[in-house]
């Protein structure tokens, strides 16, 4: 059961990252001006990922659900990339 929950969380994380990449490519190409799709996919993929993580924690414990924890941490990755990019741009602009 925990394998299925981990796989579900992983699929949600992959869909979320693919939507992030798609929105970034649209922004670079100048096709779309706005991250609406990114936040729509976030709203539909983050709750199932959190539910699967909680269910896995209840069923097998926090130490045995490594795939679920890893997949859930992927949701913070685009925000960390954006913050890092903003800090890098500010640092290069200051010099």
PDB file of N, CA and C in Angstrom:
ATOM      1  N   UNK A   1       0.825  -1.190   0.000  1.00  0.00           N
ATOM      2  CA  UNK A   1       0.000   0.000   0.000  1.00  0.00           C
ATOM      3  C   UNK A   1       0.872   1.257   0.000  1.00  0.00           C
ATOM      4  N   UNK A   2       1.939   1.248   0.776  1.00  0.00           N
ATOM      5  CA  UNK A   2       2.791   2.436   0.829  1.00  0.00           C
ATOM      6  C   UNK A   2       3.508   2.655  -0.499  1.00  0.00           C
ATOM      7  N   UNK A   3       3.781   1.571  -1.248  1.00  0.00           N
ATOM      8  CA  UNK A   3       4.399   1.707  -2.565  1.00  0.00           C
ATOM      9  C   UNK A   3       3.481   2.473  -3.496  1.00  0.00           C
ATOM     10  N   UNK A   4       2.186   2.149  -3.454  1.00  0.00           N
ATOM     11  CA  UNK A   4       1.203   2.828  -4.289  1.00  0.00           C
ATOM     12  C   UNK A   4       1.086   4.303  -3.912  1.00  0.00           C
ATOM     13  N   UNK A   5       1.085   4.581  -2.625  1.00  0.00           N
ATOM     14  CA  UNK A   5       0.991   5.967  -2.172  1.00  0.00           C
ATOM     15  C   UNK A   5       2.242   6.753  -2.560  1.00  0.00           C
ATOM     16  N   UNK A   6       3.398   6.127  -2.451  1.00  0.00           N
ATOM     17  CA  UNK A   6       4.635   6.777  -2.873  1.00  0.00           C
ATOM     18  C   UNK A   6       4.646   7.054  -4.364  1.00  0.00           C
ATOM     19  N   UNK A   7       4.157   6.105  -5.151  1.00  0.00           N
ATOM     20  CA  UNK A   7       4.087   6.288  -6.601  1.00  0.00           C
ATOM     21  C   UNK A   7       3.103   7.396  -6.966  1.00  0.00           C
ATOM     22  N   UNK A   8       1.980   7.466  -6.268  1.00  0.00           N
ATOM     23  CA  UNK A   8       1.008   8.529  -6.522  1.00  0.00           C
ATOM     24  C   UNK A   8       1.606   9.894  -6.212  1.00  0.00           C
ATOM     25  N   UNK A   9       2.302  10.007  -5.111  1.00  0.00           N
ATOM     26  CA  UNK A   9       2.947  11.268  -4.763  1.00  0.00           C
ATOM     27  C   UNK A   9       4.022  11.629  -5.775  1.00  0.00           C
ATOM     28  N   UNK A  10       4.772  10.636  -6.227  1.00  0.00           N
ATOM     29  CA  UNK A  10       5.800  10.869  -7.235  1.00  0.00           C
ATOM     30  C   UNK A  10       5.185  11.356  -8.550  1.00  0.00           C
ATOM     31  N   UNK A  11       4.086  10.757  -8.967  1.00  0.00           N
ATOM     32  CA  UNK A  11       3.421  11.197 -10.195  1.00  0.00           C
ATOM     33  C   UNK A  11       2.876  12.619 -10.068  1.00  0.00           C
ATOM     34  N   UNK A  12       2.342  12.960  -8.905  1.00  0.00           N
ATOM     35  CA  UNK A  12       1.886  14.336  -8.676  1.00  0.00           C
ATOM     36  C   UNK A  12       3.055  15.312  -8.764  1.00  0.00           C
ATOM     37  N   UNK A  13       4.184  14.938  -8.194  1.00  0.00           N
ATOM     38  CA  UNK A  13       5.365  15.805  -8.228  1.00  0.00           C
ATOM     39  C   UNK A  13       5.898  15.960  -9.651  1.00  0.00           C
ATOM     40  N   UNK A  14       5.884  14.880 -10.432  1.00  0.00           N
ATOM     41  CA  UNK A  14       6.360  14.958 -11.814  1.00  0.00           C
ATOM     42  C   UNK A  14       5.444  15.846 -12.649  1.00  0.00           C
ATOM     43  N   UNK A  15       4.131  15.702 -12.487  1.00  0.00           N
ATOM     44  CA  UNK A  15       3.192  16.558 -13.205  1.00  0.00           C
ATOM     45  C   UNK A  15       3.384  18.021 -12.824  1.00  0.00           C
ATOM     46  N   UNK A  16       3.607  18.258 -11.555  1.00  0.00           N
ATOM     47  CA  UNK A  16       3.846  19.614 -11.067  1.00  0.00           C
ATOM     48  C   UNK A  16       5.114  20.210 -11.675  1.00  0.00           C
ATOM     49  N   UNK A  17       6.197  19.438 -11.697  1.00  0.00           N
ATOM     50  CA  UNK A  17       7.443  19.937 -12.283  1.00  0.00           C
ATOM     51  C   UNK A  17       7.321  20.141 -13.790  1.00  0.00           C
ATOM     52  N   UNK A  18       6.611  19.256 -14.470  1.00  0.00           N
ATOM     53  CA  UNK A  18       6.406  19.435 -15.910  1.00  0.00           C
ATOM     54  C   UNK A  18       5.605  20.699 -16.204  1.00  0.00           C
ATOM     55  N   UNK A  19       4.619  20.993 -15.366  1.00  0.00           N
ATOM     56  CA  UNK A  19       3.864  22.240 -15.573  1.00  0.00           C
ATOM     57  C   UNK A  19       4.748  23.455 -15.323  1.00  0.00           C
ATOM     58  N   UNK A  20       5.652  23.363 -14.346  1.00  0.00           N
ATOM     59  CA  UNK A  20       6.584  24.456 -14.079  1.00  0.00           C
ATOM     60  C   UNK A  20       7.497  24.684 -15.278  1.00  0.00           C
ATOM     61  N   UNK A  21       8.021  23.598 -15.832  1.00  0.00           N
ATOM     62  CA  UNK A  21       8.890  23.710 -17.007  1.00  0.00           C
ATOM     63  C   UNK A  21       8.119  24.273 -18.189  1.00  0.00           C
ATOM     64  N   UNK A  22       6.892  23.826 -18.387  1.00  0.00           N
ATOM     65  CA  UNK A  22       6.064  24.318 -19.485  1.00  0.00           C
ATOM     66  C   UNK A  22       5.805  25.818 -19.362  1.00  0.00           C
ATOM     67  N   UNK A  23       5.486  26.282 -18.160  1.00  0.00           N
ATOM     68  CA  UNK A  23       5.238  27.715 -17.949  1.00  0.00           C
ATOM     69  C   UNK A  23       6.515  28.520 -18.150  1.00  0.00           C
ATOM     70  N   UNK A  24       7.652  27.989 -17.687  1.00  0.00           N
ATOM     71  CA  UNK A  24       8.913  28.700 -17.886  1.00  0.00           C
ATOM     72  C   UNK A  24       9.273  28.787 -19.370  1.00  0.00           C
ATOM     73  N   UNK A  25       9.055  27.713 -20.118  1.00  0.00           N
ATOM     74  CA  UNK A  25       9.333  27.744 -21.552  1.00  0.00           C
ATOM     75  C   UNK A  25       8.409  28.716 -22.279  1.00  0.00           C
ATOM     76  N   UNK A  26       7.166  28.798 -21.856  1.00  0.00           N
ATOM     77  CA  UNK A  26       6.256  29.775 -22.449  1.00  0.00           C
ATOM     78  C   UNK A  26       6.703  31.194 -22.137  1.00  0.00           C
ATOM     79  N   UNK A  27       7.174  31.419 -20.931  1.00  0.00           N
ATOM     80  CA  UNK A  27       7.660  32.741 -20.559  1.00  0.00           C
ATOM     81  C   UNK A  27       8.894  33.142 -21.338  1.00  0.00           C
ATOM     82  N   UNK A  28       9.817  32.206 -21.548  1.00  0.00           N
ATOM     83  CA  UNK A  28      11.030  32.483 -22.314  1.00  0.00           C
ATOM     84  C   UNK A  28      10.694  32.766 -23.774  1.00  0.00           C
ATOM     85  N   UNK A  29       9.731  32.020 -24.314  1.00  0.00           N
ATOM     86  CA  UNK A  29       9.346  32.209 -25.710  1.00  0.00           C
ATOM     87  C   UNK A  29       8.466  33.436 -25.907  1.00  0.00           C
ATOM     88  N   UNK A  30       7.938  33.986 -24.832  1.00  0.00           N
ATOM     89  CA  UNK A  30       7.087  35.163 -24.930  1.00  0.00           C
ATOM     90  C   UNK A  30       5.666  34.846 -25.358  1.00  0.00           C
ATOM     91  N   UNK A  31       5.258  33.609 -25.208  1.00  0.00           N
ATOM     92  CA  UNK A  31       3.926  33.187 -25.637  1.00  0.00           C
ATOM     93  C   UNK A  31       2.872  33.559 -24.603  1.00  0.00           C
ATOM     94  N   UNK A  32       3.165  33.329 -23.349  1.00  0.00           N
ATOM     95  CA  UNK A  32       2.179  33.527 -22.292  1.00  0.00           C
ATOM     96  C   UNK A  32       2.804  34.393 -21.203  1.00  0.00           C
ATOM     97  N   UNK A  33       2.034  35.314 -20.686  1.00  0.00           N
ATOM     98  CA  UNK A  33       2.536  36.196 -19.628  1.00  0.00           C
ATOM     99  C   UNK A  33       1.750  35.942 -18.350  1.00  0.00           C
ATOM    100  N   UNK A  34       2.134  34.938 -17.622  1.00  0.00           N
ATOM    101  CA  UNK A  34       1.482  34.665 -16.355  1.00  0.00           C
ATOM    102  C   UNK A  34       1.572  33.212 -15.968  1.00  0.00           C
ATOM    103  N   UNK A  35       1.769  32.953 -14.691  1.00  0.00           N
ATOM    104  CA  UNK A  35       1.917  31.580 -14.218  1.00  0.00           C
ATOM    105  C   UNK A  35       0.589  30.963 -13.760  1.00  0.00           C
ATOM    106  N   UNK A  36      -0.498  31.235 -14.461  1.00  0.00           N
ATOM    107  CA  UNK A  36      -1.803  30.736 -14.029  1.00  0.00           C
ATOM    108  C   UNK A  36      -1.843  29.210 -14.082  1.00  0.00           C
ATOM    109  N   UNK A  37      -1.346  28.627 -15.168  1.00  0.00           N
ATOM    110  CA  UNK A  37      -1.347  27.168 -15.302  1.00  0.00           C
ATOM    111  C   UNK A  37      -0.546  26.514 -14.178  1.00  0.00           C
ATOM    112  N   UNK A  38       0.570  27.117 -13.825  1.00  0.00           N
ATOM    113  CA  UNK A  38       1.417  26.591 -12.763  1.00  0.00           C
ATOM    114  C   UNK A  38       0.640  26.490 -11.447  1.00  0.00           C
ATOM    115  N   UNK A  39      -0.106  27.530 -11.108  1.00  0.00           N
ATOM    116  CA  UNK A  39      -0.841  27.520  -9.843  1.00  0.00           C
ATOM    117  C   UNK A  39      -2.078  26.631  -9.915  1.00  0.00           C
ATOM    118  N   UNK A  40      -2.672  26.491 -11.092  1.00  0.00           N
ATOM    119  CA  UNK A  40      -3.797  25.565 -11.232  1.00  0.00           C
ATOM    120  C   UNK A  40      -3.329  24.133 -11.003  1.00  0.00           C
ATOM    121  N   UNK A  41      -2.203  23.766 -11.617  1.00  0.00           N
ATOM    122  CA  UNK A  41      -1.667  22.421 -11.416  1.00  0.00           C
ATOM    123  C   UNK A  41      -1.235  22.235  -9.962  1.00  0.00           C
ATOM    124  N   UNK A  42      -0.692  23.268  -9.337  1.00  0.00           N
ATOM    125  CA  UNK A  42      -0.311  23.189  -7.922  1.00  0.00           C
ATOM    126  C   UNK A  42      -1.528  22.891  -7.050  1.00  0.00           C
ATOM    127  N   UNK A  43      -2.647  23.554  -7.329  1.00  0.00           N
ATOM    128  CA  UNK A  43      -3.857  23.347  -6.532  1.00  0.00           C
ATOM    129  C   UNK A  43      -4.382  21.916  -6.680  1.00  0.00           C
ATOM    130  N   UNK A  44      -4.219  21.328  -7.875  1.00  0.00           N
ATOM    131  CA  UNK A  44      -4.750  19.984  -8.091  1.00  0.00           C
ATOM    132  C   UNK A  44      -3.767  18.858  -7.752  1.00  0.00           C
ATOM    133  N   UNK A  45      -2.482  19.144  -7.619  1.00  0.00           N
ATOM    134  CA  UNK A  45      -1.528  18.078  -7.327  1.00  0.00           C
ATOM    135  C   UNK A  45      -0.996  18.104  -5.898  1.00  0.00           C
ATOM    136  N   UNK A  46      -0.921  19.255  -5.267  1.00  0.00           N
ATOM    137  CA  UNK A  46      -0.382  19.309  -3.907  1.00  0.00           C
ATOM    138  C   UNK A  46      -1.287  18.638  -2.877  1.00  0.00           C
ATOM    139  N   UNK A  47      -2.611  18.850  -2.883  1.00  0.00           N
ATOM    140  CA  UNK A  47      -3.436  18.150  -1.883  1.00  0.00           C
ATOM    141  C   UNK A  47      -3.359  16.627  -1.958  1.00  0.00           C
ATOM    142  N   UNK A  48      -3.421  15.994  -3.168  1.00  0.00           N
ATOM    143  CA  UNK A  48      -3.253  14.531  -3.163  1.00  0.00           C
ATOM    144  C   UNK A  48      -1.879  14.092  -2.664  1.00  0.00           C
ATOM    145  N   UNK A  49      -0.850  14.875  -2.966  1.00  0.00           N
ATOM    146  CA  UNK A  49       0.489  14.521  -2.489  1.00  0.00           C
ATOM    147  C   UNK A  49       0.562  14.598  -0.970  1.00  0.00           C
ATOM    148  N   UNK A  50      -0.045  15.602  -0.394  1.00  0.00           N
ATOM    149  CA  UNK A  50      -0.046  15.722   1.072  1.00  0.00           C
ATOM    150  C   UNK A  50      -0.871  14.602   1.701  1.00  0.00           C
ATOM    151  N   UNK A  51      -2.016  14.285   1.106  1.00  0.00           N
ATOM    152  CA  UNK A  51      -2.852  13.200   1.631  1.00  0.00           C
ATOM    153  C   UNK A  51      -2.117  11.868   1.558  1.00  0.00           C
ATOM    154  N   UNK A  52      -1.449  11.597   0.434  1.00  0.00           N
ATOM    155  CA  UNK A  52      -0.695  10.344   0.302  1.00  0.00           C
ATOM    156  C   UNK A  52       0.451  10.290   1.300  1.00  0.00           C
ATOM    157  N   UNK A  53       1.097  11.427   1.541  1.00  0.00           N
ATOM    158  CA  UNK A  53       2.185  11.452   2.518  1.00  0.00           C
ATOM    159  C   UNK A  53       1.675  11.162   3.922  1.00  0.00           C
ATOM    160  N   UNK A  54       0.573  11.770   4.291  1.00  0.00           N
ATOM    161  CA  UNK A  54       0.002  11.538   5.622  1.00  0.00           C
ATOM    162  C   UNK A  54      -0.430  10.083   5.773  1.00  0.00           C
ATOM    163  N   UNK A  55      -1.059   9.538   4.735  1.00  0.00           N
ATOM    164  CA  UNK A  55      -1.486   8.134   4.807  1.00  0.00           C
ATOM    165  C   UNK A  55      -0.288   7.194   4.921  1.00  0.00           C
ATOM    166  N   UNK A  56       0.785   7.494   4.195  1.00  0.00           N
ATOM    167  CA  UNK A  56       1.981   6.665   4.292  1.00  0.00           C
ATOM    168  C   UNK A  56       2.601   6.764   5.674  1.00  0.00           C
ATOM    169  N   UNK A  57       2.630   7.964   6.231  1.00  0.00           N
ATOM    170  CA  UNK A  57       3.167   8.121   7.587  1.00  0.00           C
ATOM    171  C   UNK A  57       2.357   7.326   8.595  1.00  0.00           C
ATOM    172  N   UNK A  58       1.053   7.299   8.405  1.00  0.00           N
ATOM    173  CA  UNK A  58       0.203   6.536   9.320  1.00  0.00           C
ATOM    174  C   UNK A  58       0.427   5.036   9.146  1.00  0.00           C
ATOM    175  N   UNK A  59       0.576   4.590   7.878  1.00  0.00           N
ATOM    176  CA  UNK A  59       0.687   3.156   7.618  1.00  0.00           C
ATOM    177  C   UNK A  59       2.058   2.576   7.929  1.00  0.00           C
ATOM    178  N   UNK A  60       3.121   3.241   7.510  1.00  0.00           N
ATOM    179  CA  UNK A  60       4.451   2.634   7.651  1.00  0.00           C
ATOM    180  C   UNK A  60       5.414   3.433   8.505  1.00  0.00           C
ATOM    181  N   UNK A  61       5.092   4.634   8.846  1.00  0.00           N
ATOM    182  CA  UNK A  61       5.991   5.444   9.647  1.00  0.00           C
ATOM    183  C   UNK A  61       6.863   6.349   8.791  1.00  0.00           C
ATOM    184  N   UNK A  62       7.460   7.359   9.407  1.00  0.00           N
ATOM    185  CA  UNK A  62       8.225   8.344   8.637  1.00  0.00           C
ATOM    186  C   UNK A  62       9.533   7.827   8.056  1.00  0.00           C
ATOM    187  N   UNK A  63      10.137   6.812   8.653  1.00  0.00           N
ATOM    188  CA  UNK A  63      11.439   6.338   8.164  1.00  0.00           C
ATOM    189  C   UNK A  63      11.326   5.417   6.949  1.00  0.00           C
ATOM    190  N   UNK A  64      10.216   4.745   6.794  1.00  0.00           N
ATOM    191  CA  UNK A  64      10.079   3.793   5.688  1.00  0.00           C
ATOM    192  C   UNK A  64       9.437   4.426   4.458  1.00  0.00           C
ATOM    193  N   UNK A  65       8.919   5.646   4.543  1.00  0.00           N
ATOM    194  CA  UNK A  65       8.287   6.301   3.409  1.00  0.00           C
ATOM    195  C   UNK A  65       9.211   7.317   2.761  1.00  0.00           C
ATOM    196  N   UNK A  66      10.403   6.906   2.385  1.00  0.00           N
ATOM    197  CA  UNK A  66      11.409   7.834   1.845  1.00  0.00           C
ATOM    198  C   UNK A  66      11.010   8.417   0.501  1.00  0.00           C
ATOM    199  N   UNK A  67      10.405   7.604  -0.369  1.00  0.00           N
ATOM    200  CA  UNK A  67       9.992   8.085  -1.682  1.00  0.00           C
ATOM    201  C   UNK A  67       8.925   9.155  -1.558  1.00  0.00           C
ATOM    202  N   UNK A  68       8.042   8.989  -0.605  1.00  0.00           N
ATOM    203  CA  UNK A  68       6.984   9.970  -0.398  1.00  0.00           C
ATOM    204  C   UNK A  68       7.563  11.294   0.092  1.00  0.00           C
ATOM    205  N   UNK A  69       8.494  11.234   1.029  1.00  0.00           N
ATOM    206  CA  UNK A  69       9.112  12.461   1.524  1.00  0.00           C
ATOM    207  C   UNK A  69       9.871  13.175   0.425  1.00  0.00           C
ATOM    208  N   UNK A  70      10.608  12.414  -0.365  1.00  0.00           N
ATOM    209  CA  UNK A  70      11.364  12.999  -1.471  1.00  0.00           C
ATOM    210  C   UNK A  70      10.434  13.646  -2.490  1.00  0.00           C
ATOM    211  N   UNK A  71       9.370  12.955  -2.839  1.00  0.00           N
ATOM    212  CA  UNK A  71       8.418  13.500  -3.807  1.00  0.00           C
ATOM    213  C   UNK A  71       7.730  14.745  -3.265  1.00  0.00           C
ATOM    214  N   UNK A  72       7.405  14.740  -1.998  1.00  0.00           N
ATOM    215  CA  UNK A  72       6.748  15.905  -1.412  1.00  0.00           C
ATOM    216  C   UNK A  72       7.681  17.103  -1.364  1.00  0.00           C
ATOM    217  N   UNK A  73       8.970  16.868  -1.143  1.00  0.00           N
ATOM    218  CA  UNK A  73       9.938  17.970  -1.120  1.00  0.00           C
ATOM    219  C   UNK A  73      10.129  18.604  -2.494  1.00  0.00           C
ATOM    220  N   UNK A  74       9.779  17.888  -3.553  1.00  0.00           N
ATOM    221  CA  UNK A  74       9.915  18.412  -4.910  1.00  0.00           C
ATOM    222  C   UNK A  74       9.005  19.626  -5.115  1.00  0.00           C
ATOM    223  N   UNK A  75       7.916  19.711  -4.358  1.00  0.00           N
ATOM    224  CA  UNK A  75       6.999  20.826  -4.515  1.00  0.00           C
ATOM    225  C   UNK A  75       7.635  22.159  -4.127  1.00  0.00           C
ATOM    226  N   UNK A  76       8.645  22.145  -3.299  1.00  0.00           N
ATOM    227  CA  UNK A  76       9.335  23.383  -2.914  1.00  0.00           C
ATOM    228  C   UNK A  76      10.405  23.783  -3.917  1.00  0.00           C
ATOM    229  N   UNK A  77      10.783  22.884  -4.800  1.00  0.00           N
ATOM    230  CA  UNK A  77      11.890  23.128  -5.717  1.00  0.00           C
ATOM    231  C   UNK A  77      11.705  24.352  -6.618  1.00  0.00           C
ATOM    232  N   UNK A  78      10.566  24.543  -7.303  1.00  0.00           N
ATOM    233  CA  UNK A  78      10.433  25.743  -8.144  1.00  0.00           C
ATOM    234  C   UNK A  78      10.527  27.046  -7.354  1.00  0.00           C
ATOM    235  N   UNK A  79      10.001  27.049  -6.144  1.00  0.00           N
ATOM    236  CA  UNK A  79      10.091  28.261  -5.338  1.00  0.00           C
ATOM    237  C   UNK A  79      11.535  28.532  -4.917  1.00  0.00           C
ATOM    238  N   UNK A  80      12.278  27.469  -4.599  1.00  0.00           N
ATOM    239  CA  UNK A  80      13.690  27.645  -4.261  1.00  0.00           C
ATOM    240  C   UNK A  80      14.493  28.114  -5.471  1.00  0.00           C
ATOM    241  N   UNK A  81      14.162  27.598  -6.653  1.00  0.00           N
ATOM    242  CA  UNK A  81      14.836  28.043  -7.880  1.00  0.00           C
ATOM    243  C   UNK A  81      14.537  29.517  -8.141  1.00  0.00           C
ATOM    244  N   UNK A  82      13.289  29.926  -7.943  1.00  0.00           N
ATOM    245  CA  UNK A  82      12.921  31.322  -8.160  1.00  0.00           C
ATOM    246  C   UNK A  82      13.625  32.250  -7.168  1.00  0.00           C
ATOM    247  N   UNK A  83      13.686  31.846  -5.914  1.00  0.00           N
ATOM    248  CA  UNK A  83      14.372  32.662  -4.911  1.00  0.00           C
ATOM    249  C   UNK A  83      15.864  32.731  -5.214  1.00  0.00           C
ATOM    250  N   UNK A  84      16.460  31.593  -5.579  1.00  0.00           N
ATOM    251  CA  UNK A  84      17.881  31.581  -5.937  1.00  0.00           C
ATOM    252  C   UNK A  84      18.167  32.436  -7.161  1.00  0.00           C
ATOM    253  N   UNK A  85      17.285  32.380  -8.151  1.00  0.00           N
ATOM    254  CA  UNK A  85      17.455  33.211  -9.345  1.00  0.00           C
ATOM    255  C   UNK A  85      17.347  34.692  -9.027  1.00  0.00           C
ATOM    256  N   UNK A  86      16.423  35.048  -8.162  1.00  0.00           N
ATOM    257  CA  UNK A  86      16.278  36.448  -7.777  1.00  0.00           C
ATOM    258  C   UNK A  86      17.497  36.933  -6.990  1.00  0.00           C
ATOM    259  N   UNK A  87      18.013  36.099  -6.101  1.00  0.00           N
ATOM    260  CA  UNK A  87      19.208  36.472  -5.352  1.00  0.00           C
ATOM    261  C   UNK A  87      20.420  36.586  -6.266  1.00  0.00           C
ATOM    262  N   UNK A  88      20.541  35.664  -7.224  1.00  0.00           N
ATOM    263  CA  UNK A  88      21.650  35.719  -8.170  1.00  0.00           C
ATOM    264  C   UNK A  88      21.561  36.973  -9.054  1.00  0.00           C
ATOM    265  N   UNK A  89      20.357  37.310  -9.490  1.00  0.00           N
ATOM    266  CA  UNK A  89      20.189  38.507 -10.320  1.00  0.00           C
ATOM    267  C   UNK A  89      20.507  39.763  -9.529  1.00  0.00           C
ATOM    268  N   UNK A  90      20.105  39.794  -8.267  1.00  0.00           N
ATOM    269  CA  UNK A  90      20.407  40.953  -7.438  1.00  0.00           C
ATOM    270  C   UNK A  90      21.897  41.073  -7.159  1.00  0.00           C
ATOM    271  N   UNK A  91      22.554  39.939  -6.966  1.00  0.00           N
ATOM    272  CA  UNK A  91      23.994  39.961  -6.684  1.00  0.00           C
ATOM    273  C   UNK A  91      24.787  40.405  -7.915  1.00  0.00           C
ATOM    274  N   UNK A  92      24.399  39.958  -9.085  1.00  0.00           N
ATOM    275  CA  UNK A  92      25.127  40.356 -10.296  1.00  0.00           C
ATOM    276  C   UNK A  92      24.832  41.791 -10.685  1.00  0.00           C
ATOM    277  N   UNK A  93      23.657  42.274 -10.334  1.00  0.00           N
ATOM    278  CA  UNK A  93      23.294  43.659 -10.644  1.00  0.00           C
ATOM    279  C   UNK A  93      24.020  44.622  -9.711  1.00  0.00           C
ATOM    280  N   UNK A  94      24.290  44.189  -8.483  1.00  0.00           N
ATOM    281  CA  UNK A  94      24.948  45.059  -7.494  1.00  0.00           C
ATOM    282  C   UNK A  94      26.406  45.298  -7.866  1.00  0.00           C
ATOM    283  N   UNK A  95      27.021  44.347  -8.551  1.00  0.00           N
ATOM    284  CA  UNK A  95      28.436  44.505  -8.903  1.00  0.00           C
ATOM    285  C   UNK A  95      28.492  45.218 -10.188  1.00  0.00           C
TER     286      UNK A  95
END
